[in-house]
Protein backbone atom coordinates (compact mmCIF):
# COMPACT_ATOMS: atom_id res chain seq x y z
CA UNK A 1 10.44 59.70 1.53
CA UNK A 2 9.59 58.90 -1.94
CA UNK A 3 6.85 61.12 -3.72
CA UNK A 4 4.77 57.80 -4.17
CA UNK A 5 4.67 57.35 -0.49
CA UNK A 6 4.01 60.43 0.24
CA UNK A 7 0.90 60.86 -2.36
CA UNK A 8 -0.51 57.45 -0.35
CA UNK A 9 0.16 58.81 3.22
CA UNK A 10 -1.75 61.86 2.08
CA UNK A 11 -4.78 59.80 0.31
CA UNK A 12 -4.72 57.22 3.18
CA UNK A 13 -4.79 60.61 5.85
CA UNK A 14 -7.38 62.17 3.55
CA UNK A 15 -9.64 59.08 3.07
CA UNK A 16 -9.34 58.72 6.42
CA UNK A 17 -10.98 61.93 7.30
CA UNK A 18 -13.67 61.31 5.11
CA UNK A 19 -14.38 57.84 6.36
CA UNK A 20 -14.50 59.77 10.14
CA UNK A 21 -16.77 62.56 8.62
CA UNK A 22 -18.97 60.02 6.82
CA UNK A 23 -19.23 57.57 10.51
CA UNK A 24 -19.84 60.77 12.09
CA UNK A 25 -22.99 61.82 9.84
CA UNK A 26 -24.19 57.93 9.48
CA UNK A 27 -24.04 57.81 13.51
CA UNK A 28 -26.56 61.07 13.40
CA UNK A 29 -28.42 59.55 10.45
CA UNK A 30 -28.82 55.88 12.20
CA UNK A 31 -29.99 57.44 15.17
CA UNK A 32 -32.13 59.52 14.09
CA UNK A 33 -33.76 56.59 11.74
CA UNK A 34 -33.43 54.53 14.79
CA UNK A 35 -35.73 56.99 16.80
CA UNK A 36 -38.37 57.60 14.56
CA UNK A 37 -38.26 53.61 13.98
CA UNK A 38 -39.61 53.77 17.56
CA UNK A 39 -42.05 56.63 17.51
CA UNK A 40 -43.42 54.63 14.29
CA UNK A 41 -43.09 51.29 16.31
CA UNK A 42 -45.22 52.58 19.37
CA UNK A 43 -47.66 54.44 17.41
CA UNK A 44 -48.70 51.71 15.69
CA UNK A 45 -48.93 49.58 18.47
CA UNK A 46 -51.01 52.23 20.36
CA UNK A 47 -53.31 52.59 16.93
CA UNK A 48 -53.25 48.27 16.81
CA UNK A 49 -54.69 48.58 20.18
CA UNK A 50 -57.65 50.78 19.99
CA UNK A 51 -58.74 49.47 15.90
CA UNK A 52 -61.04 46.93 15.69
CA UNK A 53 -61.83 46.03 11.87
CA UNK A 54 -65.32 44.52 12.82
CA UNK A 55 -66.23 47.63 14.35
CA UNK A 56 -64.79 49.94 12.02
CA UNK A 57 -66.51 53.54 12.03
CA UNK A 58 -65.93 53.71 15.84
CA UNK A 59 -62.73 52.66 16.55
CA UNK A 60 -61.48 54.17 13.09
CA UNK A 61 -63.01 57.57 14.52
CA UNK A 62 -61.09 57.08 17.99
CA UNK A 63 -57.84 56.28 16.33
CA UNK A 64 -57.97 59.13 14.20
CA UNK A 65 -58.97 61.42 17.27
CA UNK A 66 -56.35 59.88 19.98
CA UNK A 67 -53.34 60.86 17.30
CA UNK A 68 -54.84 64.22 16.38
CA UNK A 69 -52.10 66.37 18.07
CA UNK A 70 -49.31 63.85 17.81
CA UNK A 71 -46.37 64.38 15.49
CA UNK A 72 -47.23 60.51 14.11
CA UNK A 73 -49.84 60.69 11.49
CA UNK A 74 -51.77 57.72 11.83
CA UNK A 75 -54.15 56.08 9.08
CA UNK A 76 -56.73 53.61 8.45
CA UNK A 77 -56.26 52.00 4.79
CA UNK A 78 -58.69 50.19 2.84
CA UNK A 79 -57.25 48.21 0.08
CA UNK A 80 -59.26 47.72 -3.06
CA UNK A 81 -58.39 46.06 -6.25
CA UNK A 82 -54.83 47.81 -6.88
CA UNK A 83 -56.00 50.97 -5.04
CA UNK A 84 -55.81 51.81 -1.73
CA UNK A 85 -57.95 54.64 0.14
CA UNK A 86 -57.33 56.34 3.40
CA UNK A 87 -60.54 55.64 5.23
CA UNK A 88 -59.58 57.72 8.76
CA UNK A 89 -56.65 59.86 9.08
CA UNK A 90 -55.19 61.71 12.31
CA UNK A 91 -54.40 65.00 10.00
CA UNK A 92 -57.64 64.32 7.94
CA UNK A 93 -55.88 63.87 4.83
CA UNK A 94 -58.30 61.19 3.21
CA UNK A 95 -57.58 60.09 -0.44
CA UNK A 96 -56.42 57.37 -2.93
CA UNK A 97 -52.89 56.34 -3.02
CA UNK A 98 -52.53 54.02 -6.05
CA UNK A 99 -48.18 54.30 -5.08
CA UNK A 100 -48.31 53.37 -1.29
CA UNK A 101 -45.51 51.08 -1.60
CA UNK A 102 -45.45 51.06 2.01
CA UNK A 103 -48.26 48.15 2.30
CA UNK A 104 -46.78 46.08 -0.24
CA UNK A 105 -46.17 42.63 1.62
CA UNK A 106 -41.93 42.87 1.52
CA UNK A 107 -42.68 46.50 3.03
CA UNK A 108 -44.96 45.56 5.71
CA UNK A 109 -43.48 46.51 9.36
CA UNK A 110 -40.69 48.25 7.40
CA UNK A 111 -39.94 51.91 7.65
CA UNK A 112 -40.01 53.34 4.20
CA UNK A 113 -39.22 56.90 3.52
CA UNK A 114 -40.40 58.82 0.36
CA UNK A 115 -41.42 62.04 -0.52
CA UNK A 116 -44.77 63.15 0.04
CA UNK A 117 -47.30 65.43 -2.32
CA UNK A 118 -46.09 68.11 -0.06
CA UNK A 119 -42.64 68.04 -1.22
CA UNK A 120 -40.79 66.81 2.53
CA UNK A 121 -39.58 63.60 2.85
CA UNK A 122 -42.10 61.16 5.37
CA UNK A 123 -41.06 58.34 6.75
CA UNK A 124 -44.34 55.57 6.85
CA UNK A 125 -44.78 52.30 8.56
CA UNK A 126 -47.79 50.13 7.90
CA UNK A 127 -49.25 46.47 9.19
CA UNK A 128 -52.12 45.08 8.24
CA UNK A 129 -54.55 44.14 10.64
CA UNK A 130 -54.51 40.68 11.70
CA UNK A 131 -59.06 40.09 12.02
CA UNK A 132 -59.77 42.13 8.73
CA UNK A 133 -56.58 41.91 6.17
CA UNK A 134 -58.09 44.53 4.30
CA UNK A 135 -57.56 46.99 6.47
CA UNK A 136 -53.92 48.47 7.15
CA UNK A 137 -52.84 50.86 9.77
CA UNK A 138 -50.51 52.74 9.11
CA UNK A 139 -47.81 55.21 10.68
CA UNK A 140 -46.15 58.17 8.85
CA UNK A 141 -43.91 61.03 10.44
CA UNK A 142 -42.22 63.52 8.78
CA UNK A 143 -38.39 63.20 8.31
CA UNK A 144 -36.64 65.37 10.94
CA UNK A 145 -34.36 68.29 9.89
CA UNK A 146 -31.48 66.21 11.55
CA UNK A 147 -31.94 63.26 9.76
CA UNK A 148 -32.40 64.95 6.42
CA UNK A 149 -29.04 66.79 7.21
CA UNK A 150 -27.30 64.05 7.86
CA UNK A 151 -28.87 62.24 4.79
CA UNK A 152 -27.79 65.05 2.59
CA UNK A 153 -24.53 65.03 4.12
CA UNK A 154 -23.57 61.89 3.35
CA UNK A 155 -24.51 62.09 -0.17
CA UNK A 156 -23.47 65.56 -1.50
CA UNK A 157 -21.02 66.54 1.41
CA UNK A 158 -19.30 62.85 0.39
CA UNK A 159 -18.88 63.93 -3.02
CA UNK A 160 -17.70 67.81 -2.09
CA UNK A 161 -15.08 66.45 0.21
CA UNK A 162 -14.26 63.82 -2.08
CA UNK A 163 -13.74 66.74 -4.68
CA UNK A 164 -11.96 68.81 -2.51
CA UNK A 165 -9.60 66.18 -1.26
CA UNK A 166 -8.15 65.04 -4.78
CA UNK A 167 -7.61 68.90 -5.22
CA UNK A 168 -6.07 68.83 -1.68
CA UNK A 169 -3.82 65.44 -2.85
CA UNK A 170 -2.87 67.24 -5.91
CA UNK A 171 -1.79 70.36 -4.29
CA UNK A 172 0.25 68.26 -1.46
CA UNK A 173 2.01 66.31 -4.56
CA UNK A 174 2.66 69.25 -6.58
CA UNK A 175 3.67 71.04 -3.49
CA UNK A 176 6.00 68.29 -2.59
CA UNK A 177 7.15 68.72 -5.86
CA UNK A 178 7.72 72.15 -5.47
CA UNK A 179 9.90 72.05 -2.51
CA UNK A 180 12.30 69.17 -2.70
CA UNK A 181 13.53 70.60 -6.55
CA UNK A 182 15.31 72.94 -4.77
CA UNK A 183 17.13 70.02 -2.67
CA UNK A 184 17.73 67.97 -5.48
CA UNK A 185 19.17 70.93 -7.60
CA UNK A 186 21.68 71.38 -4.96
CA UNK A 187 22.15 67.75 -4.46
CA UNK A 188 22.90 67.32 -7.95
CA UNK A 189 25.47 70.64 -7.87
CA UNK A 190 27.07 69.48 -4.66
CA UNK A 191 27.81 65.93 -6.51
CA UNK A 192 29.00 67.71 -9.64
CA UNK A 193 31.34 69.57 -7.53
CA UNK A 194 32.60 66.32 -5.90
CA UNK A 195 32.52 64.86 -9.17
CA UNK A 196 30.36 62.01 -8.83
CA UNK A 197 27.67 61.02 -11.29
CA UNK A 198 24.30 62.74 -10.94
CA UNK A 199 23.06 60.02 -12.56
CA UNK A 200 23.00 58.36 -9.31
CA UNK A 201 20.03 60.32 -7.82
CA UNK A 202 17.53 57.96 -9.64
CA UNK A 203 14.69 59.54 -8.34
CA UNK A 204 14.39 63.09 -8.20
CA UNK A 205 11.40 63.08 -6.04
CA UNK A 206 12.46 60.29 -3.39
CA UNK A 207 13.66 61.76 -0.34
CA UNK A 208 15.50 58.51 1.19
CA UNK A 209 17.22 58.15 -2.42
CA UNK A 210 18.12 61.97 -1.79
CA UNK A 211 19.00 61.33 1.85
CA UNK A 212 21.53 58.89 1.02
CA UNK A 213 23.14 60.83 -2.04
CA UNK A 214 23.08 63.64 0.66
CA UNK A 215 25.22 60.93 2.56
CA UNK A 216 27.34 59.95 -0.26
CA UNK A 217 28.14 63.55 -1.15
CA UNK A 218 28.82 64.39 2.15
CA UNK A 219 31.34 61.52 2.62
CA UNK A 220 32.94 62.43 -0.76
CA UNK A 221 33.22 66.45 0.28
CA UNK A 222 35.01 64.98 3.71
CA UNK A 223 37.75 63.14 1.77
CA UNK A 224 38.03 65.95 -0.46
CA UNK A 225 38.29 68.46 2.22
CA UNK A 226 40.70 66.05 4.53
CA UNK A 227 42.95 65.92 1.19
CA UNK A 228 42.92 69.45 0.92
CA UNK A 229 43.67 69.72 4.14
CA UNK A 230 46.55 67.02 3.83
CA UNK A 231 47.57 69.26 0.79
CA UNK A 232 47.49 72.54 2.38
CA UNK A 233 49.59 70.75 5.14
CA UNK A 234 52.28 69.41 2.66
CA UNK A 235 52.01 73.03 0.95
CA UNK A 236 52.51 74.41 4.48
CA UNK A 237 55.16 72.22 5.92
CA UNK A 238 57.57 72.29 2.14
CA UNK A 239 57.41 76.41 2.83
CA UNK A 240 58.05 76.42 6.05
CA UNK A 241 61.27 74.16 5.40
CA UNK A 242 62.22 76.65 3.31
CA UNK A 243 65.61 77.98 4.09
CA UNK A 244 64.08 81.51 2.48
CA UNK A 245 61.91 84.22 3.73
CA UNK A 246 58.55 84.26 2.43
CA UNK A 247 55.90 86.85 2.61
CA UNK A 248 52.93 87.56 0.46
CA UNK A 249 51.36 90.38 0.36
CA UNK A 250 47.81 91.38 -1.02
CA UNK A 251 46.78 94.40 -3.46
CA UNK A 252 45.92 96.27 -0.74
CA UNK A 253 49.52 96.53 1.14
CA UNK A 254 48.29 93.22 3.33
CA UNK A 255 49.95 90.41 4.80
CA UNK A 256 48.39 87.56 3.53
CA UNK A 257 51.30 84.66 4.17
CA UNK A 258 54.00 84.36 6.01
CA UNK A 259 56.35 80.73 6.52
CA UNK A 260 58.47 79.73 9.16
CA UNK A 261 61.39 81.34 8.41
CA UNK A 262 60.08 84.68 7.28
CA UNK A 263 58.54 85.02 10.96
CA UNK A 264 62.17 84.34 12.78
CA UNK A 265 63.42 86.58 10.58
CA UNK A 266 60.76 89.61 11.37
CA UNK A 267 60.66 88.00 14.96
CA UNK A 268 56.36 88.02 14.34
CA UNK A 269 54.50 85.11 14.88
CA UNK A 270 52.12 84.38 11.70
CA UNK A 271 49.17 85.21 13.74
CA UNK A 272 50.41 88.79 14.70
CA UNK A 273 51.07 89.45 11.20
CA UNK A 274 48.13 88.18 8.89
CA UNK A 275 46.00 90.64 7.56
CA UNK A 276 48.18 93.77 8.87
CA UNK A 277 49.85 96.04 6.48
CA UNK A 278 52.93 95.13 4.98
CA UNK A 279 54.61 98.56 7.08
CA UNK A 280 54.81 96.60 10.59
CA UNK A 281 57.60 94.47 9.06
CA UNK A 282 59.64 97.23 8.38
CA UNK A 283 62.94 96.80 7.05
CA UNK A 284 64.16 99.89 5.74
CA UNK A 285 62.90 102.79 3.33
CA UNK A 286 64.49 100.73 0.09
CA UNK A 287 62.45 97.42 0.92
CA UNK A 288 59.08 99.45 1.16
CA UNK A 289 59.99 101.68 -1.89
CA UNK A 290 60.48 98.31 -3.84
CA UNK A 291 57.34 96.93 -2.89
CA UNK A 292 55.42 100.33 -3.75
CA UNK A 293 56.64 100.08 -7.07
CA UNK A 294 56.08 96.48 -7.77
CA UNK A 295 52.36 97.02 -6.65
CA UNK A 296 52.11 99.70 -8.73
CA UNK A 297 54.00 98.78 -11.85
CA UNK A 298 52.90 94.85 -11.73
CA UNK A 299 56.56 94.41 -12.76
CA UNK A 300 59.08 92.35 -11.55
CA UNK A 301 62.26 93.88 -10.40
CA UNK A 302 65.96 92.66 -10.37
CA UNK A 303 67.14 91.16 -7.16
CA UNK A 304 69.08 93.40 -4.46
CA UNK A 305 70.74 93.09 -1.34
CA UNK A 306 69.70 94.24 1.42
CA UNK A 307 71.56 94.14 4.92
CA UNK A 308 69.04 93.66 8.08
CA UNK A 309 69.87 92.47 11.62
CA UNK A 310 73.58 91.89 10.80
CA UNK A 311 73.06 89.43 8.17
CA UNK A 312 73.27 89.89 4.35
CA UNK A 313 70.12 89.13 2.08
CA UNK A 314 69.28 89.09 -1.31
CA UNK A 315 65.87 90.14 -1.67
CA UNK A 316 63.68 88.95 -5.08
CA UNK A 317 60.02 90.43 -5.28
CA UNK A 318 57.61 89.72 -8.00
CA UNK A 319 54.12 90.61 -8.92
CA UNK A 320 51.76 88.11 -8.55
CA UNK A 321 48.83 87.87 -11.28
CA UNK A 322 46.40 86.79 -8.55
CA UNK A 323 44.01 88.93 -6.15
CA UNK A 324 43.29 87.18 -2.10
CA UNK A 325 39.57 89.28 -2.64
CA UNK A 326 37.39 90.32 -5.37
CA UNK A 327 37.90 93.74 -4.69
CA UNK A 328 41.51 94.59 -4.56
CA UNK A 329 44.19 94.75 -7.16
CA UNK A 330 46.78 91.72 -7.26
CA UNK A 331 49.72 91.39 -5.13
CA UNK A 332 53.49 90.51 -4.48
CA UNK A 333 55.52 88.35 -3.00
CA UNK A 334 58.97 88.78 -1.32
CA UNK A 335 61.80 86.68 -1.02
CA UNK A 336 64.99 87.06 1.21
CA UNK A 337 67.57 84.79 0.90
CA UNK A 338 70.28 84.38 3.49
CA UNK A 339 73.26 84.85 1.49
CA UNK A 340 75.60 86.02 4.52
CA UNK A 341 77.58 82.50 4.48
CA UNK A 342 77.91 83.17 0.27
CA UNK A 343 79.27 86.67 0.64
CA UNK A 344 81.91 85.55 3.88
CA UNK A 345 82.49 82.78 2.12
CA UNK A 346 84.08 84.86 -1.17
CA UNK A 347 85.09 87.26 0.74
CA UNK A 348 87.28 84.58 2.44
CA UNK A 349 88.27 83.01 -0.45
CA UNK A 350 89.53 86.68 -1.92
CA UNK A 351 91.37 87.17 1.27
CA UNK A 352 92.94 83.50 1.07
CA UNK A 353 93.61 84.40 -2.64
CA UNK A 354 95.21 87.63 -1.19
CA UNK A 355 96.71 86.10 1.77
CA UNK A 356 98.32 83.43 0.00
CA UNK A 357 99.86 85.54 -2.71
CA UNK A 358 101.45 87.58 -0.15
CA UNK A 359 103.11 84.26 1.92
CA UNK A 360 104.09 83.17 -1.38
CA UNK A 361 105.49 86.54 -2.80
CA UNK A 362 108.28 86.71 0.31
CA UNK A 363 110.00 83.61 0.35
CA UNK A 364 109.71 83.64 -3.32
CA UNK A 365 111.28 87.10 -3.53
CA UNK A 366 114.19 85.88 -1.17
CA UNK A 367 114.85 82.86 -3.17
CA UNK A 368 115.01 85.08 -6.83
CA UNK A 369 117.42 87.58 -4.82
CA UNK A 370 119.34 85.15 -3.38
CA UNK A 371 119.73 82.85 -6.61
CA UNK A 372 120.82 86.28 -8.59
CA UNK A 373 123.31 87.02 -6.00
CA UNK A 374 124.92 83.78 -6.82
CA UNK A 375 124.32 84.01 -10.49
CA UNK A 376 125.60 87.21 -10.83
CA UNK A 377 128.89 87.13 -8.67
CA UNK A 378 127.78 89.40 -6.64
CA UNK A 379 129.06 86.79 -3.73
CA UNK A 380 132.48 85.73 -4.97
CA UNK A 381 133.27 83.70 -1.31
CA UNK A 382 132.37 80.39 -1.72
CA UNK A 383 131.42 79.84 2.01
CA UNK A 384 128.78 82.94 1.61
CA UNK A 385 127.59 81.33 -1.62
CA UNK A 386 126.41 78.32 0.40
CA UNK A 387 124.95 80.31 3.18
CA UNK A 388 122.69 81.87 0.25
CA UNK A 389 121.68 79.08 -1.42
CA UNK A 390 120.95 77.44 2.08
CA UNK A 391 118.58 80.35 2.66
CA UNK A 392 116.84 80.22 -0.94
CA UNK A 393 116.67 76.54 -0.51
CA UNK A 394 114.74 76.93 2.71
CA UNK A 395 112.69 79.96 1.53
CA UNK A 396 111.70 77.22 -1.07
CA UNK A 397 110.57 74.85 1.35
CA UNK A 398 108.76 77.06 3.10
CA UNK A 399 106.91 77.76 -0.01
CA UNK A 400 106.37 74.34 -0.50
CA UNK A 401 105.29 73.39 2.44
CA UNK A 402 102.19 76.56 2.00
CA UNK A 403 101.24 75.11 -0.81
CA UNK A 404 100.73 71.79 0.41
CA UNK A 405 98.46 73.23 3.58
CA UNK A 406 96.39 75.36 0.46
CA UNK A 407 96.04 71.95 -1.30
CA UNK A 408 95.06 70.33 1.88
CA UNK A 409 92.14 73.11 2.91
CA UNK A 410 90.96 72.92 -1.07
CA UNK A 411 90.76 69.24 -0.88
CA UNK A 412 88.53 69.22 2.60
CA UNK A 413 86.53 71.65 1.09
CA UNK A 414 86.29 69.96 -2.40
CA UNK A 415 86.58 66.51 -2.34
CA UNK A 416 82.79 65.26 -1.36
CA UNK A 417 83.90 61.33 -0.61
CA UNK A 418 87.32 60.07 0.48
CA UNK A 419 88.37 56.53 1.32
CA UNK A 420 88.10 55.61 5.00
CA UNK A 421 89.71 53.06 7.19
CA UNK A 422 89.76 52.01 10.74
CA UNK A 423 92.50 54.08 12.30
CA UNK A 424 94.50 53.58 15.46
CA UNK A 425 94.65 57.23 16.73
CA UNK A 426 97.58 55.81 19.38
CA UNK A 427 99.31 54.90 16.68
CA UNK A 428 99.34 57.99 15.05
CA UNK A 429 100.17 59.86 18.29
CA UNK A 430 102.93 57.93 18.47
CA UNK A 431 104.32 58.08 14.85
CA UNK A 432 104.48 62.12 15.51
CA UNK A 433 106.26 61.70 18.66
CA UNK A 434 108.83 59.57 17.04
CA UNK A 435 108.98 62.29 14.06
CA UNK A 436 109.09 65.65 16.80
CA UNK A 437 111.66 63.56 18.64
CA UNK A 438 114.72 65.44 17.46
CA UNK A 439 112.96 68.87 18.27
CA UNK A 440 111.49 67.53 21.71
CA UNK A 441 115.06 66.80 22.70
CA UNK A 442 116.84 69.46 21.21
CA UNK A 443 113.93 71.78 23.44
CA UNK A 444 114.36 69.32 26.46
CA UNK A 445 110.36 68.78 26.59
CA UNK A 446 108.79 66.42 28.63
CA UNK A 447 106.49 64.44 27.17
CA UNK A 448 103.76 62.80 29.68
CA UNK A 449 101.45 60.22 27.89
CA UNK A 450 98.22 58.85 28.85
CA UNK A 451 97.01 57.07 26.01
CA UNK A 452 95.43 53.74 24.78
CA UNK A 453 94.58 52.06 21.40
CA UNK A 454 91.80 53.77 20.45
CA UNK A 455 90.13 52.92 16.77
CA UNK A 456 88.16 55.28 14.48
CA UNK A 457 86.78 54.59 11.04
CA UNK A 458 88.44 57.70 9.08
CA UNK A 459 90.28 58.86 6.22
CA UNK A 460 94.23 57.93 7.41
CA UNK A 461 95.80 61.34 5.93
CA UNK A 462 92.48 63.82 8.01
CA UNK A 463 93.63 61.76 11.24
CA UNK A 464 97.50 62.21 10.94
CA UNK A 465 97.23 65.75 9.77
CA UNK A 466 94.61 66.67 12.57
CA UNK A 467 96.89 65.08 15.40
CA UNK A 468 99.91 65.71 13.53
CA UNK A 469 99.55 69.71 13.58
CA UNK A 470 97.86 69.86 17.38
CA UNK A 471 101.23 67.79 18.49
CA UNK A 472 103.89 70.02 16.20
CA UNK A 473 102.40 73.59 17.81
CA UNK A 474 102.38 72.14 20.78
CA UNK A 475 106.37 71.30 20.18
CA UNK A 476 106.74 74.36 18.37
CA UNK A 477 105.08 76.97 20.23
CA UNK A 478 106.59 75.49 23.72
CA UNK A 479 109.07 77.04 26.10
CA UNK A 480 112.44 75.18 26.45
CA UNK A 481 112.47 72.39 29.23
CA UNK A 482 108.72 72.69 28.87
CA UNK A 483 106.24 70.28 29.49
CA UNK A 484 103.35 68.82 26.72
CA UNK A 485 100.47 66.40 28.56
CA UNK A 486 98.71 64.08 25.49
CA UNK A 487 95.44 61.88 27.14
CA UNK A 488 93.35 59.96 25.11
CA UNK A 489 90.30 58.83 26.97
CA UNK A 490 89.10 55.87 25.10
CA UNK A 491 85.74 55.60 27.30
CA UNK A 492 84.47 59.37 26.90
CA UNK A 493 85.95 59.64 22.97
CA UNK A 494 88.07 62.41 24.13
CA UNK A 495 91.75 63.82 23.27
CA UNK A 496 93.40 66.26 24.78
CA UNK A 497 96.72 67.95 24.54
CA UNK A 498 98.32 70.78 26.81
CA UNK A 499 101.71 72.56 26.60
CA UNK A 500 103.53 75.13 28.80
CA UNK A 501 104.13 77.25 25.83
CA UNK A 502 103.69 80.82 25.45
CA UNK A 503 99.83 80.58 25.71
CA UNK A 504 97.45 82.59 23.57
CA UNK A 505 95.94 85.89 24.14
CA UNK A 506 92.27 85.84 25.15
CA UNK A 507 91.00 88.54 21.94
CA UNK A 508 92.97 86.10 19.81
CA UNK A 509 91.58 83.28 20.50
CA UNK A 510 88.27 83.52 18.31
CA UNK A 511 91.09 84.08 15.42
CA UNK A 512 93.19 81.03 15.84
CA UNK A 513 91.41 79.24 12.94
CA UNK A 514 91.42 81.43 10.66
CA UNK A 515 93.65 80.96 7.25
CA UNK A 516 96.58 82.69 7.79
CA UNK A 517 96.46 83.93 11.50
CA UNK A 518 99.31 83.99 13.57
CA UNK A 519 99.60 84.02 17.25
CA UNK A 520 101.92 86.92 18.71
CA UNK A 521 105.39 84.58 19.57
CA UNK A 522 107.41 87.48 20.17
CA UNK A 523 107.93 86.19 23.79
CA UNK A 524 109.97 83.52 22.02
CA UNK A 525 113.50 84.02 21.60
CA UNK A 526 113.56 82.43 17.68
CA UNK A 527 110.54 83.87 15.49
CA UNK A 528 109.02 80.60 15.21
CA UNK A 529 107.98 80.12 11.55
CA UNK A 530 104.94 78.92 10.09
CA UNK A 531 102.40 78.94 7.09
CA UNK A 532 99.11 80.02 9.61
CA UNK A 533 97.08 77.19 7.49
CA UNK A 534 97.82 74.17 10.35
CA UNK A 535 94.78 75.36 12.69
CA UNK A 536 92.43 76.04 10.10
CA UNK A 537 93.14 72.77 8.46
CA UNK A 538 92.38 71.00 12.08
CA UNK A 539 88.99 73.02 12.22
CA UNK A 540 88.28 71.69 8.94
CA UNK A 541 88.92 68.46 9.94
CA UNK A 542 86.80 68.50 12.89
CA UNK A 543 83.76 69.71 11.04
CA UNK A 544 83.91 67.02 8.52
CA UNK A 545 83.53 64.23 11.22
CA UNK A 546 81.63 66.12 13.52
CA UNK A 547 84.19 66.49 16.10
CA UNK A 548 84.14 69.29 18.88
CA UNK A 549 87.14 71.25 19.43
CA UNK A 550 87.81 73.61 22.28
CA UNK A 551 90.62 75.54 23.22
CA UNK A 552 91.50 77.30 26.32
CA UNK A 553 94.87 79.20 27.11
CA UNK A 554 96.76 81.66 29.35
CA UNK A 555 98.95 84.06 27.81
CA UNK A 556 102.30 83.15 29.03
CA UNK A 557 101.40 79.82 30.49
CA UNK A 558 100.44 77.37 28.08
CA UNK A 559 97.43 76.22 25.80
CA UNK A 560 95.18 73.60 25.65
CA UNK A 561 93.08 71.90 22.87
CA UNK A 562 90.68 69.14 23.42
CA UNK A 563 88.82 67.56 21.04
CA UNK A 564 85.49 65.29 21.40
CA UNK A 565 85.77 62.36 19.16
CA UNK A 566 81.92 61.26 17.78
CA UNK A 567 81.04 58.47 19.31
């Protein structure tokens, strides 16, 4: 509602009240006048009936005596030139009255109100005697108090009421402006906060425009709140998707934020630890001391390593130049990054190089030793010299095989993209069985095959090494007159190879895919040589193609490898 409309409504209301006031007293005034007029008319009629101008003295006295006790004053008046003389009067008030306006021809038969010589208002009604027109019969009555009050109220009261109404209207208008100003200021402030143009509020005193402005601000704020909620969800999603445990701590040592990774690490839901003392996440004394140090000194510290629940974490604690509440100092934020795999990888690499050096050192020493014996003529027999050279060549081939396997593992770990093609697994298996046929015949091993053509899209060299190593191990670790069973289930995407070899002890099974690990082959008459990298290569290739490999074995009875090829 605008100020103009409010002012108009206030004025209409006030003038309606004034009109009611005037109407009320006007009704009283009119009713009193009508009653008075009725009394005067009745008295005039009676006086007319009694008075006879031809018998002036007798009827004049009779009229005066008849109304002597009445509230109505009856006068018999004679007109002489411009003067009027009261001949008979019921109140014995005889006098000349040159200003008797009620005796004018225009006023005859009408009530006339005028102030008497006694200071109060009188209401007059006069008529002319029909037989003697020089005589007038006049009835007069003192104006009633009610009529007087009503008239005075109509005159003076209306003026006072109008003045009061004007002041009331002005007060209402001022009060309206005063009450609406804080609302207008707040709306303009909200418009500023919502980055809307405050000039859109055209009339600061118009409630309708203010209402529209509030709706506009409300819609804008709803959008901004929705945007903030969206941004908050985005930020939360980003922080929760981080593989780093993040914990924010206020200056009063209360937890103010923890992401999903942190909740999982400390085994607490976020709502369980928010606004709780950070010691609820107690890790160890060093962790608490580092946080205390950063809280007090406001200086970041160097990252440090922390072991927790069997994992290794690199912890970074930094000071935040921000306070979550006005009365608390700035807090800290801690990042716990799981570096277990990295540390294990570094250890694996170190172990790999140590084992590789050891594995290379032994055959190299043998090669050098045999060749030095021949070079220095310590072996003079040609047959013995040939045998020494053969042993040196054997050890050199062993070194070459080891280096080839090491190169394969390096390629599997470091080459991201290798050329792929459609490879028939059945063809690969048949080729390797042909290559190993001499060894199979030598050990009199029976091979049972249940394989059909099966195409997979992969790097051919990887597939050859995968199935070649498994078939080679099945032959190498099998018993004489043993058995090998190979199944390639195209429908279920399963490859399975079983042998009746020496088997693997249960405590050794978790380690067979480790580099340079060799199972116990003491049950074989001739010790089986190998690089110890074959199954490590198999495991790497399976991981590269999301193949699942399973192994089961009974020591002394045989081993079975199953590969579930990805569909």
